[in-house]
Amino acid sequence: MGAGATCECGGTKAGWDAVRDNAREVRPNVQARALSIKQCLIIDEADRILEKNFEEDMKQIFKRLPRDRQTVLFSATQTQKVQDFANFTFGKNEERQWKLVYVGVDDSELKPTVEGLQQGYCVVPREKRFLVLYTFLRLKVHKEQMVKVLRGEVGEEQKVKIMVFFSSCSSVKFHAELLNFLGIECYEIHGQLKQQKRTSTFFRFLKEEKGILLCTNVSARGLDIPDVDYILQYDPPDDPKDYIHRVGRTARGDKGKGSALLFLLPEELKPPIHLQENIVTGNYFLNKSAKEAYRSYLLAYNSHSMKDIFYIHQLDLKKVAASFCFKEPPKVNLNLESSASKHRKMRKGYSGQRHGIGPSNPYGRMGGYDRSKFARF
């Protein structure tokens, strides 16, 4: 979950020394201890190491490790980045003392996801996305109780665990505040929380028999939470492999079962009681949180790598604002340049403006044939 500057050193009963750390934090104060372990180097999430600009840090580690060692790379997705990192780790073919060995799991499977995972998507207009999310969560959490009430029975709530993924930390924060305000209890994990808070929230959700966790991609990898029933992707992932990691939080184990639902907009392929805008506009803290979530959502949408699909200038901002419970788009600073503004800037570069004022003609049109002085009859 994005652990910070921590390094754990210790020994095992078999006499092995072990150091657990992340690539950024192998610093001089721990290098002496870490680099005394020279037999085996294990790197998890190998496909992300080079993506996160850890290349220089890894070089410093490799310089202090002997070449006669065992190096193991783990990755849930086999990508070109993993192959590049393997070559980077072991050197060129002619320099290697040992051959690379690839160990695949379920490589014969045609589907990249497990058999027990049921996947689906729903196309929802942007202004109704939160309403659909609210309805889904309320029905799933209270479905069993509602059925028993209709039958005249008294029973407990259905015990389901749900994880909902968002594209930004501010969006997680806002939706967690809003859902809790509306009576749907949920947890939140994102990168803006301190590590201690993220860890305590994770273990609370882990021990619960039911619950809802709102999170970013910081929870898409490395978390083993048993019995998660539903994975909702409120915002689509930036990369297909991120989708695999997200849905991998459910249907875990040999015979695990789970469901994954992806929210899509109509251009990308209300609860029973209407949620009025005054819920947010009438609450200062929710209003402030909603504005930040609205802004961060647009910035995250603009950062998508597949611009031909996720193109920010084709969005209806009024409908986007409606999904954050605003009647009109709030004024936020995005520092985004539209094609129209680019065109206006290009026009400013020309000296021949309406009155001809420019660097080469500071007094405007004087003399000659000036059409503004004549009228056609």
Protein backbone atom coordinates (compact mmCIF):
# COMPACT_ATOMS: atom_id res chain seq x y z
CA MET A 1 0.00 0.00 0.00
CA GLY A 2 2.81 2.36 -0.78
CA ALA A 3 4.85 1.88 2.38
CA GLY A 4 7.16 4.76 3.15
CA ALA A 5 10.74 4.87 4.34
CA THR A 6 10.84 1.57 6.17
CA CYS A 7 13.42 -1.18 6.25
CA GLU A 8 13.04 -4.42 8.16
CA CYS A 9 16.10 -6.50 8.98
CA GLY A 10 16.09 -9.75 10.90
CA GLY A 11 17.02 -13.39 11.07
CA THR A 12 15.15 -16.64 10.58
CA LYS A 13 15.24 -19.87 12.54
CA ALA A 14 17.20 -21.48 9.73
CA GLY A 15 19.96 -18.92 10.16
CA TRP A 16 19.09 -16.76 7.16
CA ASP A 17 19.38 -12.98 7.32
CA ALA A 18 16.64 -11.02 5.56
CA VAL A 19 16.07 -7.40 4.58
CA ARG A 20 12.72 -6.13 3.33
CA ASP A 21 12.69 -2.68 1.77
CA ASN A 22 11.58 -0.73 -1.26
CA ALA A 23 13.88 0.49 -3.99
CA ARG A 24 13.70 4.17 -3.02
CA GLU A 25 14.80 3.64 0.56
CA VAL A 26 18.08 1.72 0.25
CA ARG A 27 20.10 4.62 1.65
CA PRO A 28 23.54 4.79 3.32
CA ASN A 29 22.15 4.20 6.80
CA VAL A 30 20.80 0.76 5.82
CA GLN A 31 23.14 -0.19 2.98
CA ALA A 32 25.72 -1.85 5.22
CA ARG A 33 23.10 -4.20 6.64
CA ALA A 34 21.17 -4.73 3.42
CA LEU A 35 24.21 -5.42 1.27
CA SER A 36 25.61 -8.03 3.65
CA ILE A 37 22.91 -10.32 2.26
CA LYS A 38 24.39 -11.47 -1.02
CA GLN A 39 22.86 -14.81 -1.82
CA CYS A 40 19.41 -13.92 -3.11
CA LEU A 41 17.73 -10.76 -4.43
CA ILE A 42 13.92 -10.88 -4.71
CA ILE A 43 12.01 -8.11 -6.50
CA ASP A 44 8.21 -8.02 -6.40
CA GLU A 45 6.04 -6.01 -8.83
CA ALA A 46 8.88 -6.15 -11.34
CA ASP A 47 6.72 -4.63 -14.08
CA ARG A 48 6.45 -1.38 -12.08
CA ILE A 49 10.08 -0.86 -11.13
CA LEU A 50 11.18 0.86 -14.34
CA GLU A 51 7.83 2.63 -14.74
CA LYS A 52 8.29 4.41 -11.42
CA ASN A 53 11.78 5.71 -12.32
CA PHE A 54 13.55 3.33 -9.94
CA GLU A 55 16.16 2.51 -12.57
CA GLU A 56 18.90 4.65 -11.04
CA ASP A 57 18.16 3.34 -7.53
CA MET A 58 18.35 -0.25 -8.77
CA LYS A 59 21.67 0.45 -10.46
CA GLN A 60 23.10 1.57 -7.12
CA ILE A 61 21.87 -1.64 -5.50
CA PHE A 62 23.26 -3.88 -8.26
CA LYS A 63 26.68 -2.21 -8.05
CA ARG A 64 26.99 -3.36 -4.42
CA LEU A 65 25.78 -6.91 -5.00
CA PRO A 66 27.98 -9.75 -6.30
CA ARG A 67 27.26 -11.16 -9.73
CA ASP A 68 27.24 -14.69 -8.30
CA ARG A 69 23.75 -14.46 -6.80
CA GLN A 70 20.22 -15.69 -7.37
CA THR A 71 17.80 -12.99 -8.56
CA VAL A 72 14.05 -13.63 -8.65
CA LEU A 73 11.53 -11.31 -10.33
CA PHE A 74 7.81 -11.59 -9.52
CA SER A 75 5.04 -10.03 -11.59
CA ALA A 76 1.34 -10.78 -12.00
CA THR A 77 1.44 -9.45 -15.57
CA GLN A 78 4.12 -10.48 -18.06
CA THR A 79 4.91 -7.34 -20.04
CA GLN A 80 7.77 -5.94 -22.10
CA LYS A 81 8.75 -3.94 -19.01
CA VAL A 82 9.43 -7.19 -17.14
CA GLN A 83 11.59 -8.47 -19.99
CA ASP A 84 13.45 -5.16 -20.14
CA PHE A 85 14.01 -5.28 -16.40
CA ALA A 86 15.30 -8.86 -16.60
CA ASN A 87 17.82 -7.80 -19.24
CA PHE A 88 18.68 -4.75 -17.17
CA THR A 89 19.14 -6.88 -14.05
CA PHE A 90 21.26 -9.67 -15.51
CA GLY A 91 23.18 -7.76 -18.18
CA LYS A 92 23.76 -8.68 -21.80
CA ASN A 93 23.77 -12.29 -23.01
CA GLU A 94 27.54 -12.46 -23.40
CA GLU A 95 28.06 -11.09 -19.86
CA ARG A 96 25.76 -13.57 -18.09
CA GLN A 97 27.15 -16.42 -16.04
CA TRP A 98 23.75 -18.12 -15.85
CA LYS A 99 20.74 -18.43 -18.12
CA LEU A 100 17.42 -16.76 -17.45
CA VAL A 101 14.65 -19.16 -16.42
CA TYR A 102 11.01 -18.20 -16.96
CA VAL A 103 8.45 -19.85 -14.68
CA GLY A 104 4.88 -19.26 -15.85
CA VAL A 105 1.64 -19.92 -13.98
CA ASP A 106 -1.44 -20.83 -16.02
CA ASP A 107 0.23 -19.74 -19.26
CA SER A 108 -1.98 -22.20 -21.12
CA GLU A 109 -5.11 -20.36 -20.02
CA LEU A 110 -6.69 -18.27 -22.79
CA LYS A 111 -8.27 -15.80 -20.36
CA PRO A 112 -6.06 -13.48 -18.28
CA THR A 113 -8.46 -13.73 -15.33
CA VAL A 114 -9.45 -16.67 -13.15
CA GLU A 115 -12.38 -18.97 -13.84
CA GLY A 116 -14.34 -17.98 -10.74
CA LEU A 117 -14.50 -14.30 -11.71
CA GLN A 118 -17.73 -13.03 -13.24
CA GLN A 119 -17.14 -9.79 -15.17
CA GLY A 120 -19.50 -7.18 -16.54
CA TYR A 121 -19.89 -3.51 -17.38
CA CYS A 122 -22.67 -0.95 -17.30
CA VAL A 123 -23.05 2.11 -19.52
CA VAL A 124 -24.20 4.98 -17.33
CA PRO A 125 -24.66 8.67 -18.26
CA ARG A 126 -22.14 10.76 -16.37
CA GLU A 127 -24.69 12.71 -14.36
CA LYS A 128 -26.21 9.45 -13.05
CA ARG A 129 -23.02 7.59 -12.16
CA PHE A 130 -23.12 8.36 -8.45
CA LEU A 131 -26.80 7.54 -8.29
CA VAL A 132 -26.13 4.09 -9.78
CA LEU A 133 -23.22 3.54 -7.39
CA TYR A 134 -25.35 4.60 -4.41
CA THR A 135 -28.19 2.29 -5.44
CA PHE A 136 -25.87 -0.66 -6.05
CA LEU A 137 -24.16 -0.32 -2.66
CA ARG A 138 -27.42 0.17 -0.79
CA LEU A 139 -29.07 -2.82 -2.43
CA LYS A 140 -26.09 -5.14 -1.94
CA VAL A 141 -25.54 -4.17 1.67
CA HIS A 142 -29.21 -4.28 2.66
CA LYS A 143 -30.62 -6.78 0.14
CA GLU A 144 -30.93 -9.75 2.49
CA GLN A 145 -32.42 -7.63 5.23
CA MET A 146 -34.91 -6.04 2.80
CA VAL A 147 -36.07 -9.48 1.58
CA LYS A 148 -36.61 -10.72 5.12
CA VAL A 149 -38.50 -7.56 6.05
CA LEU A 150 -40.82 -8.07 3.07
CA ARG A 151 -41.38 -11.65 4.23
CA GLY A 152 -42.14 -10.48 7.74
CA GLU A 153 -38.96 -12.02 9.10
CA VAL A 154 -36.25 -10.43 11.22
CA GLY A 155 -32.71 -11.03 10.07
CA GLU A 156 -29.24 -9.60 9.79
CA GLU A 157 -27.80 -7.69 6.88
CA GLN A 158 -26.19 -9.60 4.03
CA LYS A 159 -22.48 -10.03 4.69
CA VAL A 160 -20.76 -8.78 1.53
CA LYS A 161 -17.42 -7.08 1.00
CA ILE A 162 -17.05 -4.55 -1.80
CA MET A 163 -14.06 -2.60 -3.15
CA VAL A 164 -14.67 0.51 -5.29
CA PHE A 165 -11.80 1.96 -7.35
CA PHE A 166 -11.50 5.66 -8.22
CA SER A 167 -8.95 7.55 -10.33
CA SER A 168 -7.76 10.04 -7.70
CA CYS A 169 -7.24 10.45 -3.96
CA SER A 170 -9.57 13.45 -3.73
CA SER A 171 -12.35 11.54 -5.45
CA VAL A 172 -12.02 8.71 -2.92
CA LYS A 173 -12.09 11.20 -0.06
CA PHE A 174 -15.17 13.01 -1.36
CA HIS A 175 -17.20 9.88 -2.13
CA ALA A 176 -16.30 8.34 1.24
CA GLU A 177 -17.50 11.50 3.02
CA LEU A 178 -20.67 11.66 0.93
CA LEU A 179 -21.60 7.98 1.35
CA ASN A 180 -20.97 8.09 5.09
CA PHE A 181 -23.08 11.24 5.26
CA LEU A 182 -25.89 9.37 3.47
CA GLY A 183 -25.74 6.46 5.91
CA ILE A 184 -23.60 3.98 3.95
CA GLU A 185 -20.57 3.22 6.11
CA CYS A 186 -17.36 2.76 4.15
CA TYR A 187 -13.58 2.83 4.55
CA GLU A 188 -11.07 4.70 2.40
CA ILE A 189 -7.47 4.03 1.37
CA HIS A 190 -5.48 6.35 -0.88
CA GLY A 191 -2.03 7.88 -1.24
CA GLN A 192 -2.80 11.08 0.67
CA LEU A 193 -3.36 9.16 3.92
CA LYS A 194 -0.44 8.51 6.22
CA GLN A 195 0.98 5.00 6.09
CA GLN A 196 -0.16 4.19 9.63
CA LYS A 197 -3.73 5.19 8.75
CA ARG A 198 -3.68 3.11 5.53
CA THR A 199 -2.35 0.09 7.39
CA SER A 200 -4.88 0.29 10.23
CA THR A 201 -7.75 0.73 7.74
CA PHE A 202 -6.54 -2.25 5.72
CA PHE A 203 -6.49 -4.55 8.76
CA ARG A 204 -9.90 -3.35 9.92
CA PHE A 205 -11.41 -4.10 6.51
CA LEU A 206 -9.50 -7.40 6.42
CA LYS A 207 -11.06 -8.58 9.69
CA GLU A 208 -14.59 -7.42 8.87
CA GLU A 209 -17.09 -9.96 7.55
CA LYS A 210 -18.77 -7.21 5.54
CA GLY A 211 -17.87 -3.72 4.46
CA ILE A 212 -17.13 -1.26 1.68
CA LEU A 213 -13.65 0.01 0.82
CA LEU A 214 -13.14 3.01 -1.49
CA CYS A 215 -9.63 3.19 -2.88
CA THR A 216 -7.23 4.16 -5.66
CA ASN A 217 -4.74 1.95 -7.48
CA VAL A 218 -2.64 1.94 -4.32
CA SER A 219 -4.87 -0.99 -3.29
CA ALA A 220 -4.79 -2.73 -6.67
CA ARG A 221 -1.61 -4.69 -5.97
CA GLY A 222 -0.16 -6.72 -3.16
CA LEU A 223 -3.26 -6.88 -0.94
CA ASP A 224 -4.61 -10.30 -0.06
CA ILE A 225 -8.11 -9.71 1.28
CA PRO A 226 -10.13 -12.92 1.43
CA ASP A 227 -13.84 -13.10 0.58
CA VAL A 228 -14.18 -9.85 -1.40
CA ASP A 229 -17.46 -10.30 -3.29
CA TYR A 230 -17.52 -7.32 -5.67
CA ILE A 231 -14.98 -5.10 -7.41
CA LEU A 232 -16.49 -1.89 -8.77
CA GLN A 233 -14.40 0.27 -11.10
CA TYR A 234 -16.14 3.63 -10.85
CA ASP A 235 -13.36 5.15 -12.98
CA PRO A 236 -11.81 2.99 -15.72
CA PRO A 237 -8.13 2.10 -15.29
CA ASP A 238 -5.47 3.90 -17.29
CA ASP A 239 -3.94 0.66 -18.53
CA PRO A 240 -5.44 -2.80 -19.30
CA LYS A 241 -3.02 -4.49 -16.90
CA ASP A 242 -4.30 -2.23 -14.10
CA TYR A 243 -7.72 -3.72 -14.79
CA ILE A 244 -6.26 -7.22 -14.23
CA HIS A 245 -4.72 -6.16 -10.92
CA ARG A 246 -7.91 -4.48 -9.73
CA VAL A 247 -10.21 -7.43 -10.41
CA GLY A 248 -7.53 -9.69 -8.92
CA ARG A 249 -8.63 -8.49 -5.46
CA THR A 250 -11.62 -10.87 -5.72
CA ALA A 251 -12.05 -14.55 -6.68
CA ARG A 252 -8.74 -15.32 -4.98
CA GLY A 253 -7.46 -18.80 -4.32
CA ASP A 254 -8.00 -22.06 -6.15
CA LYS A 255 -11.80 -22.02 -6.03
CA GLY A 256 -12.47 -18.38 -5.25
CA LYS A 257 -15.53 -16.65 -6.66
CA GLY A 258 -16.31 -12.98 -7.16
CA SER A 259 -17.78 -10.37 -9.47
CA ALA A 260 -16.31 -7.29 -11.16
CA LEU A 261 -18.29 -4.40 -12.62
CA LEU A 262 -16.83 -1.62 -14.79
CA PHE A 263 -18.59 1.75 -15.13
CA LEU A 264 -18.44 3.22 -18.64
CA LEU A 265 -19.84 6.39 -20.19
CA PRO A 266 -21.97 6.32 -23.36
CA GLU A 267 -19.14 8.01 -25.29
CA GLU A 268 -16.73 5.34 -24.06
CA LEU A 269 -18.54 2.54 -25.77
CA LYS A 270 -30.99 7.56 -8.94
CA PRO A 271 -31.44 5.97 -6.04
CA PRO A 272 -35.12 5.49 -4.98
CA ILE A 273 -35.06 8.97 -3.44
CA HIS A 274 -33.51 11.63 -5.69
CA LEU A 275 -30.22 13.02 -4.37
CA GLN A 276 -30.61 16.80 -4.43
CA GLU A 277 -27.70 19.14 -5.12
CA ASN A 278 -28.34 21.01 -1.87
CA ILE A 279 -26.86 18.07 0.07
CA VAL A 280 -23.45 19.20 -1.15
CA THR A 281 -24.05 22.90 -1.71
CA GLY A 282 -25.52 23.27 1.77
CA ASN A 283 -22.58 21.63 3.53
CA TYR A 284 -19.30 23.59 3.51
CA PHE A 285 -17.01 20.61 4.00
CA LEU A 286 -18.77 18.40 1.42
CA ASN A 287 -18.81 21.31 -1.02
CA LYS A 288 -15.08 21.87 -0.64
CA SER A 289 -14.37 18.16 -0.93
CA ALA A 290 -16.62 17.88 -4.01
CA LYS A 291 -14.81 20.72 -5.78
CA GLU A 292 -11.42 19.11 -5.20
CA ALA A 293 -12.75 15.73 -6.33
CA TYR A 294 -14.27 17.32 -9.47
CA ARG A 295 -10.97 19.02 -10.28
CA SER A 296 -8.83 15.92 -9.64
CA TYR A 297 -11.19 13.77 -11.72
CA LEU A 298 -10.77 16.06 -14.74
CA LEU A 299 -6.98 16.08 -14.31
CA ALA A 300 -6.92 12.28 -14.03
CA TYR A 301 -9.17 11.97 -17.11
CA ASN A 302 -6.85 14.28 -19.04
CA SER A 303 -3.87 12.08 -18.12
CA HIS A 304 -5.30 8.96 -19.78
CA SER A 305 -2.89 7.43 -22.28
CA MET A 306 -5.66 6.51 -24.77
CA LYS A 307 -6.62 10.03 -25.86
CA ASP A 308 -8.68 8.79 -28.78
CA ILE A 309 -11.20 7.37 -26.28
CA PHE A 310 -10.74 9.41 -23.12
CA TYR A 311 -10.57 12.90 -24.66
CA ILE A 312 -11.24 15.57 -22.07
CA HIS A 313 -12.51 18.23 -24.49
CA GLN A 314 -15.45 16.05 -25.53
CA LEU A 315 -16.81 15.88 -22.00
CA ASP A 316 -20.01 17.68 -21.02
CA LEU A 317 -18.75 19.52 -17.95
CA LYS A 318 -22.27 20.22 -16.71
CA LYS A 319 -22.95 16.49 -16.59
CA VAL A 320 -19.56 15.87 -15.02
CA ALA A 321 -20.41 18.42 -12.33
CA ALA A 322 -23.79 16.72 -11.82
CA SER A 323 -22.01 13.47 -10.96
CA PHE A 324 -20.38 15.36 -8.07
CA CYS A 325 -23.77 16.81 -7.04
CA PHE A 326 -23.25 20.28 -8.55
CA LYS A 327 -26.01 21.98 -10.51
CA GLU A 328 -23.43 23.94 -12.52
CA PRO A 329 -19.70 23.26 -13.07
CA PRO A 330 -17.74 24.86 -10.21
CA LYS A 331 -14.89 27.24 -10.96
CA VAL A 332 -11.63 25.33 -10.56
CA ASN A 333 -8.12 25.90 -11.88
CA LEU A 334 -7.16 23.09 -14.28
CA ASN A 335 -4.42 24.72 -16.41
CA LEU A 336 -5.77 22.92 -19.46
CA GLU A 337 -5.45 24.52 -22.86
CA SER A 338 -8.29 24.00 -25.33
CA SER A 339 -7.91 23.94 -29.10
CA ALA A 340 -9.85 27.25 -29.27
CA SER A 341 -7.41 28.99 -26.92
CA LYS A 342 -4.49 27.70 -28.96
CA HIS A 343 -6.11 29.22 -32.06
CA ARG A 344 -6.56 32.56 -30.30
CA LYS A 345 -2.91 32.56 -29.25
CA MET A 346 -1.83 31.91 -32.81
CA ARG A 347 -3.93 34.85 -34.01
CA LYS A 348 -2.28 37.12 -31.46
CA GLY A 349 1.03 36.40 -33.09
CA TYR A 350 0.00 38.10 -36.31
CA SER A 351 0.59 41.81 -36.71
CA GLY A 352 -2.42 42.31 -38.98
CA GLN A 353 -5.09 42.51 -36.29
CA ARG A 354 -8.34 44.43 -36.55
CA HIS A 355 -6.69 47.87 -36.41
CA GLY A 356 -3.35 46.76 -37.79
CA ILE A 357 -1.51 47.45 -34.53
CA GLY A 358 1.61 45.39 -34.07
CA PRO A 359 5.38 45.50 -33.53
CA SER A 360 5.98 46.60 -37.12
CA ASN A 361 3.14 49.15 -37.12
CA PRO A 362 2.66 50.59 -33.59
CA TYR A 363 0.29 53.37 -34.78
CA GLY A 364 -2.12 51.15 -36.67
CA ARG A 365 -3.33 51.69 -40.19
CA MET A 366 -2.41 55.15 -41.42
CA GLY A 367 -2.59 56.27 -44.99
CA GLY A 368 -3.01 54.00 -47.96
CA TYR A 369 -6.26 52.23 -48.65
CA ASP A 370 -8.21 51.90 -45.41
CA ARG A 371 -11.58 50.19 -45.98
CA SER A 372 -12.89 51.35 -42.61
CA LYS A 373 -13.23 54.90 -44.00
CA PHE A 374 -15.60 53.95 -46.82
CA ALA A 375 -19.13 52.62 -47.06
CA ARG A 376 -20.65 50.75 -49.99
CA PHE A 377 -23.96 52.05 -51.43
